[in-house]
Every structure is written in structure tokens, then in C-alpha cells.
N, C-alpha and C. Protein backbone atom coordinates (compact mmCIF):
# COMPACT_ATOMS: atom_id res chain seq x y z
N UNK A 1 -61.07 -9.90 87.80
CA UNK A 1 -60.00 -10.65 88.45
C UNK A 1 -58.77 -10.58 87.55
N UNK A 2 -57.60 -10.36 88.17
CA UNK A 2 -56.38 -10.35 87.37
C UNK A 2 -55.40 -11.42 87.86
N UNK A 3 -54.28 -11.52 87.16
CA UNK A 3 -53.32 -12.59 87.44
C UNK A 3 -52.74 -12.54 88.84
N UNK A 4 -52.70 -11.38 89.46
CA UNK A 4 -52.14 -11.26 90.81
C UNK A 4 -52.87 -12.17 91.80
N UNK A 5 -54.12 -12.47 91.51
CA UNK A 5 -54.90 -13.33 92.40
C UNK A 5 -54.58 -14.81 92.20
N UNK A 6 -53.85 -15.14 91.15
CA UNK A 6 -53.48 -16.53 90.89
C UNK A 6 -52.04 -16.86 91.22
N UNK A 7 -51.20 -15.83 91.26
CA UNK A 7 -49.77 -16.07 91.50
C UNK A 7 -49.53 -16.29 92.97
N UNK A 8 -48.90 -17.40 93.27
CA UNK A 8 -48.58 -17.73 94.66
C UNK A 8 -47.66 -18.92 94.70
N UNK A 9 -47.22 -19.25 95.85
CA UNK A 9 -46.33 -20.40 95.96
C UNK A 9 -44.93 -20.07 95.49
N UNK A 10 -44.15 -21.10 95.35
CA UNK A 10 -42.75 -20.94 94.97
C UNK A 10 -42.59 -21.06 93.47
N UNK A 11 -41.85 -20.14 92.89
CA UNK A 11 -41.51 -20.21 91.48
C UNK A 11 -40.41 -21.25 91.31
N UNK A 12 -40.63 -22.21 90.45
CA UNK A 12 -39.65 -23.28 90.22
C UNK A 12 -38.63 -22.77 89.20
N UNK A 13 -37.36 -22.77 89.61
CA UNK A 13 -36.30 -22.27 88.75
C UNK A 13 -35.15 -23.28 88.65
N UNK A 14 -34.35 -23.10 87.64
CA UNK A 14 -33.12 -23.88 87.45
C UNK A 14 -32.19 -23.00 86.63
N UNK A 15 -30.90 -23.32 86.66
CA UNK A 15 -29.98 -22.51 85.86
C UNK A 15 -29.76 -23.14 84.49
N UNK A 16 -29.10 -22.42 83.64
CA UNK A 16 -28.92 -22.84 82.24
C UNK A 16 -28.16 -24.14 82.08
N UNK A 17 -27.40 -24.53 83.11
CA UNK A 17 -26.60 -25.75 83.02
C UNK A 17 -27.32 -26.98 83.57
N UNK A 18 -28.51 -26.79 84.13
CA UNK A 18 -29.27 -27.91 84.69
C UNK A 18 -29.61 -28.90 83.58
N UNK A 19 -29.34 -30.16 83.83
CA UNK A 19 -29.52 -31.19 82.82
C UNK A 19 -30.99 -31.57 82.64
N UNK A 20 -31.29 -32.04 81.43
CA UNK A 20 -32.64 -32.42 81.05
C UNK A 20 -33.31 -33.36 82.06
N UNK A 21 -32.60 -34.38 82.49
CA UNK A 21 -33.16 -35.34 83.44
C UNK A 21 -33.51 -34.65 84.76
N UNK A 22 -32.67 -33.74 85.21
CA UNK A 22 -32.95 -33.04 86.46
C UNK A 22 -34.14 -32.09 86.30
N UNK A 23 -34.26 -31.46 85.15
CA UNK A 23 -35.42 -30.60 84.89
C UNK A 23 -36.71 -31.40 84.97
N UNK A 24 -36.71 -32.56 84.34
CA UNK A 24 -37.90 -33.42 84.37
C UNK A 24 -38.22 -33.86 85.79
N UNK A 25 -37.20 -34.23 86.54
CA UNK A 25 -37.40 -34.65 87.94
C UNK A 25 -37.95 -33.50 88.77
N UNK A 26 -37.44 -32.31 88.53
CA UNK A 26 -37.90 -31.13 89.27
C UNK A 26 -39.37 -30.84 88.98
N UNK A 27 -39.74 -30.93 87.71
CA UNK A 27 -41.14 -30.71 87.33
C UNK A 27 -42.05 -31.74 88.00
N UNK A 28 -41.62 -32.98 87.98
CA UNK A 28 -42.40 -34.05 88.60
C UNK A 28 -42.55 -33.81 90.11
N UNK A 29 -41.45 -33.51 90.77
CA UNK A 29 -41.47 -33.31 92.22
C UNK A 29 -42.32 -32.12 92.64
N UNK A 30 -42.29 -31.06 91.83
CA UNK A 30 -43.02 -29.82 92.17
C UNK A 30 -44.44 -29.80 91.60
N UNK A 31 -44.76 -30.77 90.74
CA UNK A 31 -46.09 -30.83 90.15
C UNK A 31 -46.37 -29.68 89.20
N UNK A 32 -45.34 -29.29 88.43
CA UNK A 32 -45.49 -28.18 87.48
C UNK A 32 -45.13 -28.64 86.08
N UNK A 33 -45.52 -27.84 85.09
CA UNK A 33 -45.24 -28.16 83.71
C UNK A 33 -44.19 -27.27 83.07
N UNK A 34 -43.58 -26.40 83.91
CA UNK A 34 -42.55 -25.52 83.38
C UNK A 34 -41.58 -25.09 84.47
N UNK A 35 -40.39 -24.73 84.02
CA UNK A 35 -39.35 -24.25 84.92
C UNK A 35 -38.76 -22.97 84.33
N UNK A 36 -38.64 -21.94 85.17
CA UNK A 36 -37.98 -20.70 84.75
C UNK A 36 -36.48 -20.93 84.78
N UNK A 37 -35.80 -20.55 83.71
CA UNK A 37 -34.36 -20.77 83.61
C UNK A 37 -33.64 -19.44 83.85
N UNK A 38 -32.63 -19.49 84.71
CA UNK A 38 -31.86 -18.30 85.06
C UNK A 38 -30.41 -18.48 84.64
N UNK A 39 -29.74 -17.34 84.40
CA UNK A 39 -28.32 -17.39 84.06
C UNK A 39 -27.48 -17.38 85.33
N UNK A 40 -26.17 -17.29 85.18
CA UNK A 40 -25.26 -17.35 86.33
C UNK A 40 -25.42 -16.15 87.26
N UNK A 41 -26.10 -15.10 86.80
CA UNK A 41 -26.36 -13.92 87.65
C UNK A 41 -27.72 -14.00 88.33
N UNK A 42 -28.48 -15.04 88.02
CA UNK A 42 -29.82 -15.19 88.58
C UNK A 42 -30.89 -14.49 87.79
N UNK A 43 -30.54 -13.98 86.60
CA UNK A 43 -31.51 -13.30 85.76
C UNK A 43 -32.31 -14.30 84.94
N UNK A 44 -33.58 -14.05 84.80
CA UNK A 44 -34.47 -14.91 84.01
C UNK A 44 -34.10 -14.81 82.53
N UNK A 45 -33.81 -15.96 81.91
CA UNK A 45 -33.39 -15.96 80.50
C UNK A 45 -34.21 -16.88 79.61
N UNK A 46 -35.04 -17.74 80.21
CA UNK A 46 -35.80 -18.67 79.38
C UNK A 46 -36.75 -19.53 80.18
N UNK A 47 -37.42 -20.41 79.47
CA UNK A 47 -38.38 -21.33 80.08
C UNK A 47 -38.21 -22.70 79.43
N UNK A 48 -38.29 -23.74 80.26
CA UNK A 48 -38.36 -25.11 79.76
C UNK A 48 -39.70 -25.66 80.20
N UNK A 49 -40.45 -26.18 79.24
CA UNK A 49 -41.77 -26.75 79.54
C UNK A 49 -41.76 -28.25 79.34
N UNK A 50 -42.84 -28.88 79.77
CA UNK A 50 -42.97 -30.31 79.55
C UNK A 50 -42.92 -30.64 78.06
N UNK A 51 -43.44 -29.76 77.23
CA UNK A 51 -43.36 -29.95 75.77
C UNK A 51 -41.92 -29.95 75.29
N UNK A 52 -41.09 -29.06 75.85
CA UNK A 52 -39.68 -29.00 75.46
C UNK A 52 -38.97 -30.31 75.80
N UNK A 53 -39.31 -30.88 76.94
CA UNK A 53 -38.68 -32.14 77.35
C UNK A 53 -39.13 -33.27 76.43
N UNK A 54 -40.41 -33.33 76.12
CA UNK A 54 -40.91 -34.36 75.20
C UNK A 54 -40.22 -34.22 73.85
N UNK A 55 -40.12 -33.00 73.35
CA UNK A 55 -39.46 -32.75 72.06
C UNK A 55 -38.00 -33.22 72.10
N UNK A 56 -37.30 -32.89 73.19
CA UNK A 56 -35.89 -33.27 73.31
C UNK A 56 -35.73 -34.79 73.34
N UNK A 57 -36.61 -35.47 74.04
CA UNK A 57 -36.54 -36.93 74.10
C UNK A 57 -36.84 -37.52 72.72
N UNK A 58 -37.86 -36.98 72.05
CA UNK A 58 -38.22 -37.48 70.71
C UNK A 58 -37.08 -37.28 69.71
N UNK A 59 -36.31 -36.20 69.92
CA UNK A 59 -35.17 -35.92 69.04
C UNK A 59 -33.90 -36.61 69.51
N UNK A 60 -34.05 -37.47 70.52
CA UNK A 60 -32.97 -38.29 71.05
C UNK A 60 -31.82 -37.50 71.67
N UNK A 61 -32.18 -36.36 72.30
CA UNK A 61 -31.19 -35.61 73.06
C UNK A 61 -30.78 -36.46 74.25
N UNK A 62 -29.55 -36.34 74.65
CA UNK A 62 -29.04 -37.02 75.83
C UNK A 62 -29.67 -36.41 77.08
N UNK A 63 -29.90 -37.21 78.09
CA UNK A 63 -30.51 -36.71 79.33
C UNK A 63 -29.61 -35.74 80.09
N UNK A 64 -28.34 -35.66 79.67
CA UNK A 64 -27.43 -34.70 80.31
C UNK A 64 -27.39 -33.36 79.56
N UNK A 65 -28.21 -33.23 78.54
CA UNK A 65 -28.28 -31.97 77.77
C UNK A 65 -28.68 -30.83 78.71
N UNK A 66 -27.96 -29.71 78.66
CA UNK A 66 -28.29 -28.59 79.55
C UNK A 66 -29.54 -27.83 79.10
N UNK A 67 -30.17 -27.18 80.07
CA UNK A 67 -31.39 -26.41 79.83
C UNK A 67 -31.23 -25.41 78.70
N UNK A 68 -30.08 -24.77 78.61
CA UNK A 68 -29.88 -23.72 77.60
C UNK A 68 -30.05 -24.23 76.17
N UNK A 69 -29.91 -25.55 75.97
CA UNK A 69 -30.06 -26.12 74.63
C UNK A 69 -31.53 -26.32 74.26
N UNK A 70 -32.37 -26.64 75.24
CA UNK A 70 -33.77 -26.97 74.95
C UNK A 70 -34.75 -25.88 75.35
N UNK A 71 -34.29 -24.86 76.06
CA UNK A 71 -35.20 -23.82 76.55
C UNK A 71 -35.66 -22.89 75.43
N UNK A 72 -36.78 -22.22 75.69
CA UNK A 72 -37.21 -21.11 74.86
C UNK A 72 -36.58 -19.87 75.49
N UNK A 73 -35.64 -19.27 74.78
CA UNK A 73 -34.95 -18.09 75.29
C UNK A 73 -35.82 -16.86 75.12
N UNK A 74 -35.71 -15.95 76.07
CA UNK A 74 -36.44 -14.67 76.02
C UNK A 74 -37.91 -14.86 75.64
N UNK A 75 -38.64 -15.68 76.42
CA UNK A 75 -40.04 -15.94 76.07
C UNK A 75 -40.91 -14.70 76.28
N UNK A 76 -42.08 -14.72 75.63
CA UNK A 76 -43.07 -13.69 75.91
C UNK A 76 -43.41 -13.75 77.40
N UNK A 77 -43.75 -12.60 77.96
CA UNK A 77 -44.14 -12.52 79.36
C UNK A 77 -45.42 -11.70 79.46
N UNK A 78 -46.09 -11.82 80.59
CA UNK A 78 -47.33 -11.10 80.80
C UNK A 78 -47.26 -10.43 82.17
N UNK A 79 -47.80 -9.23 82.26
CA UNK A 79 -47.75 -8.47 83.52
C UNK A 79 -48.80 -8.98 84.50
N UNK A 80 -48.47 -8.89 85.76
CA UNK A 80 -49.29 -9.42 86.84
C UNK A 80 -50.66 -8.75 86.95
N UNK A 81 -50.79 -7.54 86.46
CA UNK A 81 -52.08 -6.85 86.56
C UNK A 81 -52.99 -7.12 85.35
N UNK A 82 -52.60 -8.07 84.50
CA UNK A 82 -53.41 -8.44 83.33
C UNK A 82 -54.68 -9.16 83.79
N UNK A 83 -55.78 -8.78 83.20
CA UNK A 83 -57.05 -9.46 83.50
C UNK A 83 -56.99 -10.91 83.02
N UNK A 84 -57.60 -11.80 83.77
CA UNK A 84 -57.58 -13.22 83.44
C UNK A 84 -58.16 -13.45 82.04
N UNK A 85 -59.23 -12.76 81.70
CA UNK A 85 -59.83 -12.95 80.38
C UNK A 85 -58.85 -12.58 79.27
N UNK A 86 -58.04 -11.55 79.50
CA UNK A 86 -57.03 -11.16 78.51
C UNK A 86 -55.92 -12.21 78.42
N UNK A 87 -55.54 -12.77 79.55
CA UNK A 87 -54.52 -13.83 79.56
C UNK A 87 -55.02 -15.07 78.82
N UNK A 88 -56.29 -15.41 79.03
CA UNK A 88 -56.88 -16.56 78.32
C UNK A 88 -56.84 -16.33 76.82
N UNK A 89 -57.23 -15.13 76.38
CA UNK A 89 -57.21 -14.82 74.95
C UNK A 89 -55.79 -14.91 74.39
N UNK A 90 -54.80 -14.43 75.17
CA UNK A 90 -53.42 -14.46 74.72
C UNK A 90 -52.93 -15.90 74.55
N UNK A 91 -53.15 -16.73 75.57
CA UNK A 91 -52.72 -18.12 75.47
C UNK A 91 -53.44 -18.84 74.33
N UNK A 92 -54.71 -18.55 74.15
CA UNK A 92 -55.47 -19.16 73.07
C UNK A 92 -54.91 -18.74 71.70
N UNK A 93 -54.57 -17.49 71.55
CA UNK A 93 -54.07 -16.98 70.28
C UNK A 93 -52.67 -17.49 69.96
N UNK A 94 -51.84 -17.66 70.98
CA UNK A 94 -50.44 -18.05 70.76
C UNK A 94 -50.21 -19.55 70.81
N UNK A 95 -51.09 -20.28 71.48
CA UNK A 95 -50.90 -21.72 71.65
C UNK A 95 -49.99 -22.06 72.82
N UNK A 96 -49.59 -21.05 73.58
CA UNK A 96 -48.77 -21.31 74.77
C UNK A 96 -49.61 -22.03 75.82
N UNK A 97 -48.93 -22.80 76.66
CA UNK A 97 -49.60 -23.43 77.80
C UNK A 97 -49.04 -22.91 79.12
N UNK A 98 -47.90 -22.23 79.07
CA UNK A 98 -47.26 -21.65 80.25
C UNK A 98 -46.73 -20.28 79.87
N UNK A 99 -46.85 -19.33 80.78
CA UNK A 99 -46.42 -17.98 80.49
C UNK A 99 -45.83 -17.34 81.73
N UNK A 100 -44.60 -16.84 81.63
CA UNK A 100 -43.97 -16.14 82.75
C UNK A 100 -44.75 -14.86 83.08
N UNK A 101 -44.90 -14.61 84.37
CA UNK A 101 -45.62 -13.42 84.84
C UNK A 101 -44.62 -12.49 85.51
N UNK A 102 -44.69 -11.21 85.12
CA UNK A 102 -43.77 -10.22 85.67
C UNK A 102 -44.54 -9.14 86.42
N UNK A 103 -43.81 -8.48 87.30
CA UNK A 103 -44.33 -7.32 88.03
C UNK A 103 -43.29 -6.22 87.85
N UNK A 104 -43.59 -5.26 87.02
CA UNK A 104 -42.63 -4.20 86.73
C UNK A 104 -41.37 -4.71 86.08
N UNK A 105 -41.49 -5.77 85.30
CA UNK A 105 -40.34 -6.32 84.59
C UNK A 105 -39.61 -7.43 85.32
N UNK A 106 -39.93 -7.65 86.59
CA UNK A 106 -39.29 -8.72 87.37
C UNK A 106 -40.17 -9.96 87.39
N UNK A 107 -39.57 -11.12 87.14
CA UNK A 107 -40.32 -12.37 87.13
C UNK A 107 -40.85 -12.67 88.53
N UNK A 108 -42.16 -12.93 88.63
CA UNK A 108 -42.77 -13.23 89.93
C UNK A 108 -43.49 -14.57 89.95
N UNK A 109 -43.70 -15.16 88.79
CA UNK A 109 -44.42 -16.43 88.76
C UNK A 109 -44.60 -16.95 87.36
N UNK A 110 -45.32 -18.04 87.30
CA UNK A 110 -45.62 -18.68 86.03
C UNK A 110 -47.11 -19.00 86.04
N UNK A 111 -47.77 -18.72 84.93
CA UNK A 111 -49.20 -19.02 84.83
C UNK A 111 -49.38 -20.10 83.78
N UNK A 112 -50.31 -20.99 84.02
CA UNK A 112 -50.55 -22.07 83.06
C UNK A 112 -52.01 -22.07 82.64
N UNK A 113 -52.28 -22.78 81.58
CA UNK A 113 -53.66 -22.94 81.13
C UNK A 113 -54.50 -23.51 82.27
N UNK A 114 -53.93 -24.45 82.99
CA UNK A 114 -54.66 -25.08 84.10
C UNK A 114 -55.05 -24.03 85.14
N UNK A 115 -54.14 -23.12 85.46
CA UNK A 115 -54.45 -22.05 86.42
C UNK A 115 -55.61 -21.20 85.94
N UNK A 116 -55.58 -20.85 84.66
CA UNK A 116 -56.62 -19.99 84.10
C UNK A 116 -57.96 -20.71 84.03
N UNK A 117 -57.95 -21.98 83.68
CA UNK A 117 -59.20 -22.75 83.68
C UNK A 117 -59.79 -22.83 85.08
N UNK A 118 -58.94 -23.04 86.04
CA UNK A 118 -59.39 -23.08 87.43
C UNK A 118 -60.05 -21.75 87.82
N UNK A 119 -59.41 -20.65 87.46
CA UNK A 119 -59.94 -19.33 87.81
C UNK A 119 -61.27 -19.07 87.12
N UNK A 120 -61.37 -19.44 85.86
CA UNK A 120 -62.61 -19.21 85.11
C UNK A 120 -63.74 -20.08 85.66
N UNK A 121 -63.44 -21.31 86.00
CA UNK A 121 -64.48 -22.22 86.48
C UNK A 121 -64.99 -21.81 87.85
N UNK A 122 -64.21 -21.05 88.59
CA UNK A 122 -64.64 -20.57 89.91
C UNK A 122 -65.56 -19.36 89.83
N UNK A 123 -65.61 -18.72 88.67
CA UNK A 123 -66.42 -17.50 88.53
C UNK A 123 -67.83 -17.81 88.13
């Protein structure tokens, strides 16, 4: 089984100017732990995770702080044809909990530890 079998639904995105409070609200409303950040051209440039928001709050960032300040720019990505077992090993080795998924270099989704646990427990 590979990641293509897990990617579905709508990819949650926001632009670099989206404020911290709005990012948190978006994550809550969509039931996700990460948001793909795009630039003014719509190109994928980073990721903001629930961890990034917690870190920003702990560091007393203002809730109007834009995504570009708290995002991880140019994050690692994984190809959609990657085997789930390989993705699990990668997340385990890196400590990531969310990873952008690409298809031929284009962002198509986001995979989380929760997604991978679900897939493994079904096998």
C-alpha cells in the first residue's frame, strides 16, 4: 500500500499573510493539524502545524502574526507513490508529525502520523 491510497479530501491551505488566529481557527474547523502555506502566486512555500501555533503562543507572538513568520519554509516532502512503511520510517526518524505529499513535484495532500497509524491498523 502506498500514500496514494490515503490522500483524499481537500488540502487545507492559506497564504503567507494569514494571521495566526485564523490559521488556528482553520485547523479547528477542518479537523487538521497542519496547513499548507502558499505565496501570492499560489505556490507551496511552507507548512504551519499545530506545534508551530503552540510554539508561537508560548513565545507570546501576537495572534495577528502572519503565517510566514511561524511556518516551516521549504519543508521536506514525500512522493505519493511512497510505500506506507517507508513513510512511517521517515516520520519516525525525523520526528515529523505532518508531511506534504507531492505528485511529480506538485503538492497534492498532507499526510499525518494519524493517517499512517490508521492505515497500518487496517492491515
